[in-house]
């Protein structure tokens, strides 16, 4: 009951902290809760080394969050901290299961010894009674009756002891089976966590490398929506057109490489226009431009269920529409990799 109240208090505290700090990434909030749960449980006593590693990983994530709250590094470090806390919990469960097994073995040995001692004492008492009876000179029939009664009592005692021993053996077998299953489950959990951690780390490193390469060729930034890749209209579209220009494929191929390296992210393609033309016409043109880019990304292998397109029109210009260069920059497409906690 105390453990339940403790875990409930931790979960409540974590919920309050997360609610009060809306800018905290979900990965960091999960890592904090995982560490608090492990620290309040048996890991503090049975797996202090693993728990210490989890604390160090969480401290690194907190430091990264303090330096740059929206960075990929913060989420990566928080994910590692969460997994280390879970591994500490799993290791503590395995150690506790082994302790229970040792205790059960010891209890079995004590019980068996007590039963054997009791049987020896009963047999000794029987022999003493028979000897006294013989010495008293009682009649043979009476002595035979007493001997028969003593034998029956000894046999009943032996039967009871055999039954108790069989029950203890059955209980011990069940305990050992349960412990073996618990150890296998704990090991499988630890192996799965390690494998997931490696896969996630490799995928995110690959995504970071691809984005870094793309940032050398076009604008890549972080904002409240996520990671924003901005492609200028001078690369993609001519004025008043929604067909891709020659050479746009190579730039979009680099975007596809970055997206596929982190393929579990939801993506939004937003199309924009310059200020020439009516609002309605520009809105429709921007929608068609966004759809063209979305269709290209899907053809190159990105999951269609994870990508959608929007037309923004001439809103939110990033350059002066009074110049040809400014209008070309406003004829852009922005590809947003939404944060994993969204949608």
C-alpha atoms as a PDB file:
ATOM      1  CA  UNK A   1       0.000   0.000   0.000  1.00  0.00           C
ATOM      2  CA  UNK A   2       2.881   2.361   0.877  1.00  0.00           C
ATOM      3  CA  UNK A   3       4.531   1.630  -2.491  1.00  0.00           C
ATOM      4  CA  UNK A   4       1.254   2.348  -4.312  1.00  0.00           C
ATOM      5  CA  UNK A   5       0.829   5.672  -2.489  1.00  0.00           C
ATOM      6  CA  UNK A   6       4.466   6.569  -3.243  1.00  0.00           C
ATOM      7  CA  UNK A   7       4.113   5.800  -6.966  1.00  0.00           C
ATOM      8  CA  UNK A   8       0.805   7.718  -7.035  1.00  0.00           C
ATOM      9  CA  UNK A   9       2.505  10.716  -5.443  1.00  0.00           C
ATOM     10  CA  UNK A  10       5.345  10.539  -8.003  1.00  0.00           C
ATOM     11  CA  UNK A  11       2.917  10.327 -10.928  1.00  0.00           C
ATOM     12  CA  UNK A  12       0.899  13.262  -9.515  1.00  0.00           C
ATOM     13  CA  UNK A  13       4.062  15.342  -9.057  1.00  0.00           C
ATOM     14  CA  UNK A  14       5.234  14.541 -12.559  1.00  0.00           C
ATOM     15  CA  UNK A  15       1.842  15.473 -13.972  1.00  0.00           C
ATOM     16  CA  UNK A  16       1.941  18.828 -12.116  1.00  0.00           C
ATOM     17  CA  UNK A  17       5.461  19.541 -13.329  1.00  0.00           C
ATOM     18  CA  UNK A  18       4.586  18.675 -16.925  1.00  0.00           C
ATOM     19  CA  UNK A  19       1.423  20.721 -16.824  1.00  0.00           C
ATOM     20  CA  UNK A  20       3.297  23.748 -15.415  1.00  0.00           C
ATOM     21  CA  UNK A  21       6.072  23.512 -17.964  1.00  0.00           C
ATOM     22  CA  UNK A  22       4.394  23.223 -21.326  1.00  0.00           C
ATOM     23  CA  UNK A  23       7.666  23.707 -23.119  1.00  0.00           C
ATOM     24  CA  UNK A  24       9.198  20.539 -21.610  1.00  0.00           C
ATOM     25  CA  UNK A  25       9.547  17.848 -24.352  1.00  0.00           C
ATOM     26  CA  UNK A  26       7.456  14.739 -23.727  1.00  0.00           C
ATOM     27  CA  UNK A  27      10.642  12.622 -23.826  1.00  0.00           C
ATOM     28  CA  UNK A  28      12.116  14.582 -20.912  1.00  0.00           C
ATOM     29  CA  UNK A  29       8.856  14.418 -18.932  1.00  0.00           C
ATOM     30  CA  UNK A  30       8.747  10.629 -19.477  1.00  0.00           C
ATOM     31  CA  UNK A  31      12.400  10.312 -18.394  1.00  0.00           C
ATOM     32  CA  UNK A  32      11.759  12.263 -15.205  1.00  0.00           C
ATOM     33  CA  UNK A  33       8.759  10.076 -14.304  1.00  0.00           C
ATOM     34  CA  UNK A  34      10.659   6.847 -15.126  1.00  0.00           C
ATOM     35  CA  UNK A  35      13.579   7.865 -12.880  1.00  0.00           C
ATOM     36  CA  UNK A  36      11.315   8.966 -10.015  1.00  0.00           C
ATOM     37  CA  UNK A  37       9.406   5.654 -10.210  1.00  0.00           C
ATOM     38  CA  UNK A  38      12.637   3.608 -10.229  1.00  0.00           C
ATOM     39  CA  UNK A  39      14.168   5.663  -7.398  1.00  0.00           C
ATOM     40  CA  UNK A  40      11.067   5.126  -5.219  1.00  0.00           C
ATOM     41  CA  UNK A  41      11.010   1.377  -5.918  1.00  0.00           C
ATOM     42  CA  UNK A  42      13.339  -1.549  -5.249  1.00  0.00           C
ATOM     43  CA  UNK A  43      15.989  -0.275  -7.718  1.00  0.00           C
ATOM     44  CA  UNK A  44      17.324   2.130  -5.065  1.00  0.00           C
ATOM     45  CA  UNK A  45      18.326  -0.860  -2.899  1.00  0.00           C
ATOM     46  CA  UNK A  46      18.909  -3.678  -5.381  1.00  0.00           C
ATOM     47  CA  UNK A  47      20.260  -1.890  -8.490  1.00  0.00           C
ATOM     48  CA  UNK A  48      21.931   1.335  -7.264  1.00  0.00           C
ATOM     49  CA  UNK A  49      24.609   1.277  -9.986  1.00  0.00           C
ATOM     50  CA  UNK A  50      22.067   1.169 -12.827  1.00  0.00           C
ATOM     51  CA  UNK A  51      19.945   3.795 -11.042  1.00  0.00           C
ATOM     52  CA  UNK A  52      23.021   6.041 -10.774  1.00  0.00           C
ATOM     53  CA  UNK A  53      23.607   5.696 -14.522  1.00  0.00           C
ATOM     54  CA  UNK A  54      19.972   6.679 -15.108  1.00  0.00           C
ATOM     55  CA  UNK A  55      20.437   9.755 -12.879  1.00  0.00           C
ATOM     56  CA  UNK A  56      23.583  10.795 -14.774  1.00  0.00           C
ATOM     57  CA  UNK A  57      21.749  10.410 -18.105  1.00  0.00           C
ATOM     58  CA  UNK A  58      18.810  12.458 -16.775  1.00  0.00           C
ATOM     59  CA  UNK A  59      21.189  15.182 -15.524  1.00  0.00           C
ATOM     60  CA  UNK A  60      22.707  15.398 -19.026  1.00  0.00           C
ATOM     61  CA  UNK A  61      19.231  15.723 -20.547  1.00  0.00           C
ATOM     62  CA  UNK A  62      18.288  18.430 -18.017  1.00  0.00           C
ATOM     63  CA  UNK A  63      21.519  20.329 -18.803  1.00  0.00           C
ATOM     64  CA  UNK A  64      20.811  20.094 -22.539  1.00  0.00           C
ATOM     65  CA  UNK A  65      17.239  21.265 -21.952  1.00  0.00           C
ATOM     66  CA  UNK A  66      18.549  24.219 -19.931  1.00  0.00           C
ATOM     67  CA  UNK A  67      20.929  25.158 -22.760  1.00  0.00           C
ATOM     68  CA  UNK A  68      18.513  24.596 -25.658  1.00  0.00           C
ATOM     69  CA  UNK A  69      15.004  23.412 -24.742  1.00  0.00           C
ATOM     70  CA  UNK A  70      13.988  22.567 -28.316  1.00  0.00           C
ATOM     71  CA  UNK A  71      17.076  20.666 -29.499  1.00  0.00           C
ATOM     72  CA  UNK A  72      17.160  17.097 -30.788  1.00  0.00           C
ATOM     73  CA  UNK A  73      19.970  16.395 -28.340  1.00  0.00           C
ATOM     74  CA  UNK A  74      17.651  17.102 -25.381  1.00  0.00           C
ATOM     75  CA  UNK A  75      15.096  14.549 -26.628  1.00  0.00           C
ATOM     76  CA  UNK A  76      17.823  11.995 -27.442  1.00  0.00           C
ATOM     77  CA  UNK A  77      19.395  12.275 -23.973  1.00  0.00           C
ATOM     78  CA  UNK A  78      15.977  12.145 -22.294  1.00  0.00           C
ATOM     79  CA  UNK A  79      15.103   8.964 -24.188  1.00  0.00           C
ATOM     80  CA  UNK A  80      18.386   7.334 -23.022  1.00  0.00           C
ATOM     81  CA  UNK A  81      17.677   8.410 -19.414  1.00  0.00           C
ATOM     82  CA  UNK A  82      14.180   6.912 -19.546  1.00  0.00           C
ATOM     83  CA  UNK A  83      15.476   3.592 -20.850  1.00  0.00           C
ATOM     84  CA  UNK A  84      18.246   3.424 -18.236  1.00  0.00           C
ATOM     85  CA  UNK A  85      15.697   4.002 -15.451  1.00  0.00           C
ATOM     86  CA  UNK A  86      13.535   1.197 -16.837  1.00  0.00           C
ATOM     87  CA  UNK A  87      16.561  -1.102 -17.045  1.00  0.00           C
ATOM     88  CA  UNK A  88      17.392  -0.345 -13.383  1.00  0.00           C
ATOM     89  CA  UNK A  89      13.817  -1.295 -12.433  1.00  0.00           C
ATOM     90  CA  UNK A  90      14.030  -4.541 -14.436  1.00  0.00           C
ATOM     91  CA  UNK A  91      17.389  -5.496 -12.878  1.00  0.00           C
ATOM     92  CA  UNK A  92      16.014  -4.877  -9.365  1.00  0.00           C
ATOM     93  CA  UNK A  93      13.059  -7.173 -10.123  1.00  0.00           C
ATOM     94  CA  UNK A  94      15.437  -9.973 -11.180  1.00  0.00           C
ATOM     95  CA  UNK A  95      17.546  -9.594  -8.022  1.00  0.00           C
ATOM     96  CA  UNK A  96      14.432  -9.631  -5.794  1.00  0.00           C
ATOM     97  CA  UNK A  97      13.178 -12.760  -7.531  1.00  0.00           C
ATOM     98  CA  UNK A  98      16.508 -14.500  -6.858  1.00  0.00           C
ATOM     99  CA  UNK A  99      16.317 -13.459  -3.187  1.00  0.00           C
ATOM    100  CA  UNK A 100      12.829 -14.961  -2.934  1.00  0.00           C
ATOM    101  CA  UNK A 101      14.132 -18.212  -4.460  1.00  0.00           C
ATOM    102  CA  UNK A 102      16.988 -18.428  -1.918  1.00  0.00           C
ATOM    103  CA  UNK A 103      14.557 -17.781   0.937  1.00  0.00           C
ATOM    104  CA  UNK A 104      12.205 -20.494  -0.320  1.00  0.00           C
ATOM    105  CA  UNK A 105      15.069 -23.048  -0.527  1.00  0.00           C
ATOM    106  CA  UNK A 106      16.127 -22.257   3.039  1.00  0.00           C
ATOM    107  CA  UNK A 107      12.529 -22.558   4.321  1.00  0.00           C
ATOM    108  CA  UNK A 108      12.220 -25.978   2.666  1.00  0.00           C
ATOM    109  CA  UNK A 109      15.390 -27.247   4.377  1.00  0.00           C
ATOM    110  CA  UNK A 110      14.242 -26.014   7.812  1.00  0.00           C
ATOM    111  CA  UNK A 111      10.796 -27.602   7.436  1.00  0.00           C
ATOM    112  CA  UNK A 112      12.232 -30.940   6.343  1.00  0.00           C
ATOM    113  CA  UNK A 113      14.636 -31.022   9.282  1.00  0.00           C
ATOM    114  CA  UNK A 114      11.831 -30.268  11.752  1.00  0.00           C
ATOM    115  CA  UNK A 115       9.652 -33.052  10.342  1.00  0.00           C
ATOM    116  CA  UNK A 116      12.490 -35.585  10.533  1.00  0.00           C
ATOM    117  CA  UNK A 117      13.219 -34.571  14.139  1.00  0.00           C
ATOM    118  CA  UNK A 118       9.561 -34.955  15.071  1.00  0.00           C
ATOM    119  CA  UNK A 119       9.436 -38.421  13.534  1.00  0.00           C
ATOM    120  CA  UNK A 120      12.578 -39.509  15.397  1.00  0.00           C
ATOM    121  CA  UNK A 121      11.132 -38.293  18.695  1.00  0.00           C
ATOM    122  CA  UNK A 122       7.852 -40.144  18.093  1.00  0.00           C
ATOM    123  CA  UNK A 123       9.689 -43.396  17.325  1.00  0.00           C
ATOM    124  CA  UNK A 124      11.840 -43.001  20.427  1.00  0.00           C
ATOM    125  CA  UNK A 125       8.760 -42.461  22.581  1.00  0.00           C
ATOM    126  CA  UNK A 126       7.207 -45.604  21.093  1.00  0.00           C
ATOM    127  CA  UNK A 127      10.252 -47.718  21.903  1.00  0.00           C
ATOM    128  CA  UNK A 128      10.327 -46.400  25.450  1.00  0.00           C
ATOM    129  CA  UNK A 129       6.665 -47.234  25.967  1.00  0.00           C
ATOM    130  CA  UNK A 130       7.168 -50.763  24.670  1.00  0.00           C
ATOM    131  CA  UNK A 131      10.166 -51.330  26.938  1.00  0.00           C
ATOM    132  CA  UNK A 132       8.283 -50.116  30.004  1.00  0.00           C
ATOM    133  CA  UNK A 133       5.343 -52.344  29.080  1.00  0.00           C
ATOM    134  CA  UNK A 134       7.570 -55.440  28.817  1.00  0.00           C
ATOM    135  CA  UNK A 135       9.238 -54.680  32.120  1.00  0.00           C
ATOM    136  CA  UNK A 136       5.866 -54.305  33.900  1.00  0.00           C
ATOM    137  CA  UNK A 137       5.028 -57.915  33.144  1.00  0.00           C
ATOM    138  CA  UNK A 138       1.697 -57.173  31.499  1.00  0.00           C
ATOM    139  CA  UNK A 139      -0.042 -59.909  29.624  1.00  0.00           C
ATOM    140  CA  UNK A 140       1.103 -60.687  26.102  1.00  0.00           C
ATOM    141  CA  UNK A 141      -2.268 -59.762  24.629  1.00  0.00           C
ATOM    142  CA  UNK A 142      -2.243 -56.342  26.271  1.00  0.00           C
ATOM    143  CA  UNK A 143       1.339 -55.806  25.170  1.00  0.00           C
ATOM    144  CA  UNK A 144       0.445 -56.800  21.596  1.00  0.00           C
ATOM    145  CA  UNK A 145      -2.488 -54.356  21.615  1.00  0.00           C
ATOM    146  CA  UNK A 146      -0.275 -51.532  22.785  1.00  0.00           C
ATOM    147  CA  UNK A 147       2.354 -52.423  20.198  1.00  0.00           C
ATOM    148  CA  UNK A 148      -0.296 -52.415  17.488  1.00  0.00           C
ATOM    149  CA  UNK A 149      -1.569 -49.034  18.661  1.00  0.00           C
ATOM    150  CA  UNK A 150       1.956 -47.650  18.689  1.00  0.00           C
ATOM    151  CA  UNK A 151       2.610 -48.944  15.181  1.00  0.00           C
ATOM    152  CA  UNK A 152      -0.618 -47.365  13.917  1.00  0.00           C
ATOM    153  CA  UNK A 153       0.295 -44.065  15.535  1.00  0.00           C
ATOM    154  CA  UNK A 154       3.777 -44.205  14.012  1.00  0.00           C
ATOM    155  CA  UNK A 155       2.349 -45.023  10.587  1.00  0.00           C
ATOM    156  CA  UNK A 156      -0.148 -42.153  10.846  1.00  0.00           C
ATOM    157  CA  UNK A 157       2.633 -39.785  11.812  1.00  0.00           C
ATOM    158  CA  UNK A 158       4.738 -41.008   8.895  1.00  0.00           C
ATOM    159  CA  UNK A 159       1.799 -40.566   6.496  1.00  0.00           C
ATOM    160  CA  UNK A 160       1.203 -37.011   7.730  1.00  0.00           C
ATOM    161  CA  UNK A 161       4.873 -36.198   7.335  1.00  0.00           C
ATOM    162  CA  UNK A 162       4.937 -37.630   3.798  1.00  0.00           C
ATOM    163  CA  UNK A 163       1.898 -35.544   2.874  1.00  0.00           C
ATOM    164  CA  UNK A 164       3.519 -32.393   4.266  1.00  0.00           C
ATOM    165  CA  UNK A 165       6.757 -33.140   2.425  1.00  0.00           C
ATOM    166  CA  UNK A 166       4.890 -33.648  -0.869  1.00  0.00           C
ATOM    167  CA  UNK A 167       3.027 -30.351  -0.384  1.00  0.00           C
ATOM    168  CA  UNK A 168       6.266 -28.510   0.376  1.00  0.00           C
ATOM    169  CA  UNK A 169       7.919 -30.095  -2.672  1.00  0.00           C
ATOM    170  CA  UNK A 170       5.002 -29.005  -4.879  1.00  0.00           C
ATOM    171  CA  UNK A 171       5.157 -25.451  -3.477  1.00  0.00           C
ATOM    172  CA  UNK A 172       8.902 -25.341  -4.051  1.00  0.00           C
ATOM    173  CA  UNK A 173       8.486 -26.539  -7.652  1.00  0.00           C
ATOM    174  CA  UNK A 174       5.889 -23.819  -8.315  1.00  0.00           C
ATOM    175  CA  UNK A 175       8.148 -21.188  -6.745  1.00  0.00           C
ATOM    176  CA  UNK A 176      11.126 -22.260  -8.857  1.00  0.00           C
ATOM    177  CA  UNK A 177       8.974 -22.248 -12.020  1.00  0.00           C
ATOM    178  CA  UNK A 178       7.686 -18.759 -11.227  1.00  0.00           C
ATOM    179  CA  UNK A 179      11.213 -17.513 -10.520  1.00  0.00           C
ATOM    180  CA  UNK A 180      12.516 -18.972 -13.786  1.00  0.00           C
ATOM    181  CA  UNK A 181       9.700 -17.281 -15.720  1.00  0.00           C
ATOM    182  CA  UNK A 182      10.377 -13.981 -13.906  1.00  0.00           C
ATOM    183  CA  UNK A 183      14.095 -14.168 -14.703  1.00  0.00           C
ATOM    184  CA  UNK A 184      13.391 -14.890 -18.370  1.00  0.00           C
ATOM    185  CA  UNK A 185      10.893 -12.003 -18.540  1.00  0.00           C
ATOM    186  CA  UNK A 186      13.327  -9.616 -16.865  1.00  0.00           C
ATOM    187  CA  UNK A 187      16.166 -10.594 -19.198  1.00  0.00           C
ATOM    188  CA  UNK A 188      13.906 -10.294 -22.247  1.00  0.00           C
ATOM    189  CA  UNK A 189      12.826  -6.825 -21.093  1.00  0.00           C
ATOM    190  CA  UNK A 190      16.427  -5.709 -20.614  1.00  0.00           C
ATOM    191  CA  UNK A 191      17.432  -7.104 -24.030  1.00  0.00           C
ATOM    192  CA  UNK A 192      14.442  -5.436 -25.714  1.00  0.00           C
ATOM    193  CA  UNK A 193      15.213  -2.081 -24.101  1.00  0.00           C
ATOM    194  CA  UNK A 194      18.829  -2.292 -25.225  1.00  0.00           C
ATOM    195  CA  UNK A 195      17.803  -3.195 -28.792  1.00  0.00           C
ATOM    196  CA  UNK A 196      15.196  -0.414 -28.951  1.00  0.00           C
ATOM    197  CA  UNK A 197      17.697   2.080 -27.601  1.00  0.00           C
ATOM    198  CA  UNK A 198      20.287   1.157 -30.240  1.00  0.00           C
ATOM    199  CA  UNK A 199      17.745   1.258 -33.106  1.00  0.00           C
ATOM    200  CA  UNK A 200      16.367   4.619 -31.981  1.00  0.00           C
ATOM    201  CA  UNK A 201      19.845   6.073 -31.466  1.00  0.00           C
ATOM    202  CA  UNK A 202      21.059   4.902 -34.896  1.00  0.00           C
ATOM    203  CA  UNK A 203      17.933   6.228 -36.663  1.00  0.00           C
ATOM    204  CA  UNK A 204      18.080   9.609 -34.960  1.00  0.00           C
ATOM    205  CA  UNK A 205      21.798   9.979 -35.642  1.00  0.00           C
ATOM    206  CA  UNK A 206      21.162   9.195 -39.308  1.00  0.00           C
ATOM    207  CA  UNK A 207      18.340  11.756 -39.394  1.00  0.00           C
ATOM    208  CA  UNK A 208      20.547  14.394 -37.763  1.00  0.00           C
ATOM    209  CA  UNK A 209      23.311  13.809 -40.327  1.00  0.00           C
ATOM    210  CA  UNK A 210      20.839  14.050 -43.227  1.00  0.00           C
ATOM    211  CA  UNK A 211      19.352  17.294 -41.872  1.00  0.00           C
ATOM    212  CA  UNK A 212      22.803  18.755 -41.335  1.00  0.00           C
ATOM    213  CA  UNK A 213      23.726  17.993 -44.951  1.00  0.00           C
ATOM    214  CA  UNK A 214      20.455  19.520 -46.155  1.00  0.00           C
ATOM    215  CA  UNK A 215      21.038  22.659 -44.048  1.00  0.00           C
ATOM    216  CA  UNK A 216      24.135  23.394 -46.128  1.00  0.00           C
ATOM    217  CA  UNK A 217      21.928  23.773 -49.229  1.00  0.00           C
ATOM    218  CA  UNK A 218      18.715  25.323 -47.914  1.00  0.00           C
ATOM    219  CA  UNK A 219      17.214  26.948 -44.829  1.00  0.00           C
ATOM    220  CA  UNK A 220      16.494  24.572 -41.927  1.00  0.00           C
ATOM    221  CA  UNK A 221      15.234  25.920 -38.593  1.00  0.00           C
ATOM    222  CA  UNK A 222      13.375  24.938 -35.435  1.00  0.00           C
ATOM    223  CA  UNK A 223      10.162  26.647 -34.327  1.00  0.00           C
ATOM    224  CA  UNK A 224       7.066  25.793 -32.296  1.00  0.00           C
ATOM    225  CA  UNK A 225       5.794  23.500 -35.046  1.00  0.00           C
ATOM    226  CA  UNK A 226       8.970  21.397 -35.252  1.00  0.00           C
ATOM    227  CA  UNK A 227      11.822  21.262 -37.774  1.00  0.00           C
ATOM    228  CA  UNK A 228      11.074  23.520 -40.772  1.00  0.00           C
ATOM    229  CA  UNK A 229      12.771  22.966 -44.167  1.00  0.00           C
ATOM    230  CA  UNK A 230      12.186  25.995 -46.430  1.00  0.00           C
ATOM    231  CA  UNK A 231      12.594  25.585 -50.214  1.00  0.00           C
ATOM    232  CA  UNK A 232      12.658  28.787 -52.279  1.00  0.00           C
ATOM    233  CA  UNK A 233      10.296  29.197 -55.222  1.00  0.00           C
ATOM    234  CA  UNK A 234      13.302  30.103 -57.381  1.00  0.00           C
ATOM    235  CA  UNK A 235      14.285  26.422 -57.069  1.00  0.00           C
ATOM    236  CA  UNK A 236      10.825  24.851 -57.344  1.00  0.00           C
ATOM    237  CA  UNK A 237       8.307  26.961 -59.296  1.00  0.00           C
ATOM    238  CA  UNK A 238       8.091  29.694 -61.884  1.00  0.00           C
ATOM    239  CA  UNK A 239       5.731  32.558 -61.269  1.00  0.00           C
ATOM    240  CA  UNK A 240       2.056  31.602 -61.657  1.00  0.00           C
ATOM    241  CA  UNK A 241       2.882  27.865 -62.064  1.00  0.00           C
ATOM    242  CA  UNK A 242       2.553  24.747 -59.926  1.00  0.00           C
ATOM    243  CA  UNK A 243       4.732  22.423 -62.025  1.00  0.00           C
ATOM    244  CA  UNK A 244       8.183  21.638 -60.670  1.00  0.00           C
ATOM    245  CA  UNK A 245      11.057  23.348 -62.513  1.00  0.00           C
ATOM    246  CA  UNK A 246      13.885  21.285 -64.042  1.00  0.00           C
ATOM    247  CA  UNK A 247      16.427  20.606 -61.335  1.00  0.00           C
ATOM    248  CA  UNK A 248      13.905  20.723 -58.472  1.00  0.00           C
ATOM    249  CA  UNK A 249      14.032  16.916 -58.248  1.00  0.00           C
ATOM    250  CA  UNK A 250      17.595  16.878 -56.905  1.00  0.00           C
ATOM    251  CA  UNK A 251      16.735  19.281 -54.078  1.00  0.00           C
ATOM    252  CA  UNK A 252      13.581  17.344 -53.177  1.00  0.00           C
ATOM    253  CA  UNK A 253      15.558  14.071 -53.239  1.00  0.00           C
ATOM    254  CA  UNK A 254      17.768  15.461 -50.472  1.00  0.00           C
ATOM    255  CA  UNK A 255      14.646  16.327 -48.481  1.00  0.00           C
ATOM    256  CA  UNK A 256      13.361  12.759 -48.971  1.00  0.00           C
ATOM    257  CA  UNK A 257      16.640  11.362 -47.617  1.00  0.00           C
ATOM    258  CA  UNK A 258      16.278  13.476 -44.478  1.00  0.00           C
ATOM    259  CA  UNK A 259      12.620  12.471 -44.001  1.00  0.00           C
ATOM    260  CA  UNK A 260      13.185   8.742 -44.550  1.00  0.00           C
ATOM    261  CA  UNK A 261      16.064   8.748 -42.062  1.00  0.00           C
ATOM    262  CA  UNK A 262      13.489   9.620 -39.370  1.00  0.00           C
ATOM    263  CA  UNK A 263      10.414   8.006 -40.924  1.00  0.00           C
ATOM    264  CA  UNK A 264       8.162   8.009 -37.860  1.00  0.00           C
ATOM    265  CA  UNK A 265       7.657  11.799 -37.937  1.00  0.00           C
ATOM    266  CA  UNK A 266       4.412  13.376 -39.165  1.00  0.00           C
ATOM    267  CA  UNK A 267       5.016  15.905 -41.951  1.00  0.00           C
ATOM    268  CA  UNK A 268       3.088  18.955 -43.187  1.00  0.00           C
ATOM    269  CA  UNK A 269       3.835  20.509 -46.616  1.00  0.00           C
ATOM    270  CA  UNK A 270       2.778  24.190 -46.770  1.00  0.00           C
ATOM    271  CA  UNK A 271       2.617  26.043 -50.101  1.00  0.00           C
ATOM    272  CA  UNK A 272       3.015  29.830 -50.469  1.00  0.00           C
ATOM    273  CA  UNK A 273       2.753  32.390 -53.303  1.00  0.00           C
ATOM    274  CA  UNK A 274       3.835  35.955 -53.927  1.00  0.00           C
ATOM    275  CA  UNK A 275       1.298  38.797 -53.803  1.00  0.00           C
ATOM    276  CA  UNK A 276       0.536  38.918 -57.520  1.00  0.00           C
ATOM    277  CA  UNK A 277      -3.014  37.801 -58.325  1.00  0.00           C
ATOM    278  CA  UNK A 278      -6.201  37.646 -56.232  1.00  0.00           C
ATOM    279  CA  UNK A 279      -6.377  36.108 -52.790  1.00  0.00           C
ATOM    280  CA  UNK A 280      -8.564  33.241 -53.966  1.00  0.00           C
ATOM    281  CA  UNK A 281      -6.355  32.448 -56.938  1.00  0.00           C
ATOM    282  CA  UNK A 282      -3.182  32.546 -54.805  1.00  0.00           C
ATOM    283  CA  UNK A 283      -4.721  30.290 -52.177  1.00  0.00           C
ATOM    284  CA  UNK A 284      -5.610  27.692 -54.820  1.00  0.00           C
ATOM    285  CA  UNK A 285      -2.179  27.998 -56.474  1.00  0.00           C
ATOM    286  CA  UNK A 286      -0.389  27.516 -53.133  1.00  0.00           C
ATOM    287  CA  UNK A 287      -2.530  24.446 -52.423  1.00  0.00           C
ATOM    288  CA  UNK A 288      -1.600  22.912 -55.795  1.00  0.00           C
ATOM    289  CA  UNK A 289       2.085  23.621 -55.174  1.00  0.00           C
ATOM    290  CA  UNK A 290       1.934  21.927 -51.750  1.00  0.00           C
ATOM    291  CA  UNK A 291       0.161  18.899 -53.261  1.00  0.00           C
ATOM    292  CA  UNK A 292       2.783  18.576 -56.013  1.00  0.00           C
ATOM    293  CA  UNK A 293       5.587  18.455 -53.440  1.00  0.00           C
ATOM    294  CA  UNK A 294       3.644  16.055 -51.196  1.00  0.00           C
ATOM    295  CA  UNK A 295       2.981  13.673 -54.104  1.00  0.00           C
ATOM    296  CA  UNK A 296       6.669  13.731 -55.016  1.00  0.00           C
ATOM    297  CA  UNK A 297       7.715  12.814 -51.467  1.00  0.00           C
ATOM    298  CA  UNK A 298       5.191   9.952 -51.380  1.00  0.00           C
ATOM    299  CA  UNK A 299       6.397   8.626 -54.741  1.00  0.00           C
ATOM    300  CA  UNK A 300       9.920   8.570 -53.334  1.00  0.00           C
ATOM    301  CA  UNK A 301       8.814   6.273 -50.511  1.00  0.00           C
ATOM    302  CA  UNK A 302       7.609   8.398 -47.591  1.00  0.00           C
ATOM    303  CA  UNK A 303       4.527   7.013 -45.774  1.00  0.00           C
ATOM    304  CA  UNK A 304       1.470   8.720 -47.288  1.00  0.00           C
ATOM    305  CA  UNK A 305      -0.472   8.383 -44.019  1.00  0.00           C
ATOM    306  CA  UNK A 306       2.111  10.571 -42.255  1.00  0.00           C
ATOM    307  CA  UNK A 307       2.169  13.501 -44.694  1.00  0.00           C
ATOM    308  CA  UNK A 308      -0.448  16.149 -45.522  1.00  0.00           C
ATOM    309  CA  UNK A 309      -0.455  19.362 -47.560  1.00  0.00           C
ATOM    310  CA  UNK A 310      -1.861  22.850 -46.967  1.00  0.00           C
ATOM    311  CA  UNK A 311      -2.202  25.967 -49.121  1.00  0.00           C
ATOM    312  CA  UNK A 312      -1.380  29.222 -47.281  1.00  0.00           C
ATOM    313  CA  UNK A 313      -1.561  31.633 -50.247  1.00  0.00           C
ATOM    314  CA  UNK A 314       0.247  34.953 -50.088  1.00  0.00           C
ATOM    315  CA  UNK A 315       0.087  35.149 -46.278  1.00  0.00           C
ATOM    316  CA  UNK A 316       3.244  35.225 -44.142  1.00  0.00           C
ATOM    317  CA  UNK A 317       5.697  36.606 -46.756  1.00  0.00           C
ATOM    318  CA  UNK A 318       9.391  36.310 -45.899  1.00  0.00           C
ATOM    319  CA  UNK A 319      10.633  38.863 -48.467  1.00  0.00           C
ATOM    320  CA  UNK A 320       9.531  42.084 -50.194  1.00  0.00           C
ATOM    321  CA  UNK A 321       6.992  41.381 -52.953  1.00  0.00           C
ATOM    322  CA  UNK A 322       8.050  44.601 -54.672  1.00  0.00           C
ATOM    323  CA  UNK A 323      11.141  42.904 -56.147  1.00  0.00           C
ATOM    324  CA  UNK A 324      11.495  39.881 -58.436  1.00  0.00           C
ATOM    325  CA  UNK A 325      13.901  38.246 -55.983  1.00  0.00           C
ATOM    326  CA  UNK A 326      11.527  38.807 -53.080  1.00  0.00           C
ATOM    327  CA  UNK A 327       8.593  37.357 -54.995  1.00  0.00           C
ATOM    328  CA  UNK A 328      10.687  34.271 -55.895  1.00  0.00           C
ATOM    329  CA  UNK A 329      11.505  33.749 -52.229  1.00  0.00           C
ATOM    330  CA  UNK A 330       7.847  34.088 -51.269  1.00  0.00           C
ATOM    331  CA  UNK A 331       6.902  31.424 -53.861  1.00  0.00           C
ATOM    332  CA  UNK A 332       8.259  28.868 -51.375  1.00  0.00           C
ATOM    333  CA  UNK A 333       7.288  25.529 -49.896  1.00  0.00           C
ATOM    334  CA  UNK A 334       7.874  24.811 -46.232  1.00  0.00           C
ATOM    335  CA  UNK A 335       8.155  21.173 -45.123  1.00  0.00           C
ATOM    336  CA  UNK A 336       7.544  20.801 -41.377  1.00  0.00           C
ATOM    337  CA  UNK A 337       8.660  17.694 -39.441  1.00  0.00           C
ATOM    338  CA  UNK A 338       6.252  17.862 -36.505  1.00  0.00           C
ATOM    339  CA  UNK A 339       7.460  17.103 -33.030  1.00  0.00           C
ATOM    340  CA  UNK A 340       6.903  13.467 -32.039  1.00  0.00           C
ATOM    341  CA  UNK A 341       4.549  14.406 -29.221  1.00  0.00           C
ATOM    342  CA  UNK A 342       2.136  16.160 -31.600  1.00  0.00           C
ATOM    343  CA  UNK A 343      -0.948  14.780 -33.395  1.00  0.00           C
END
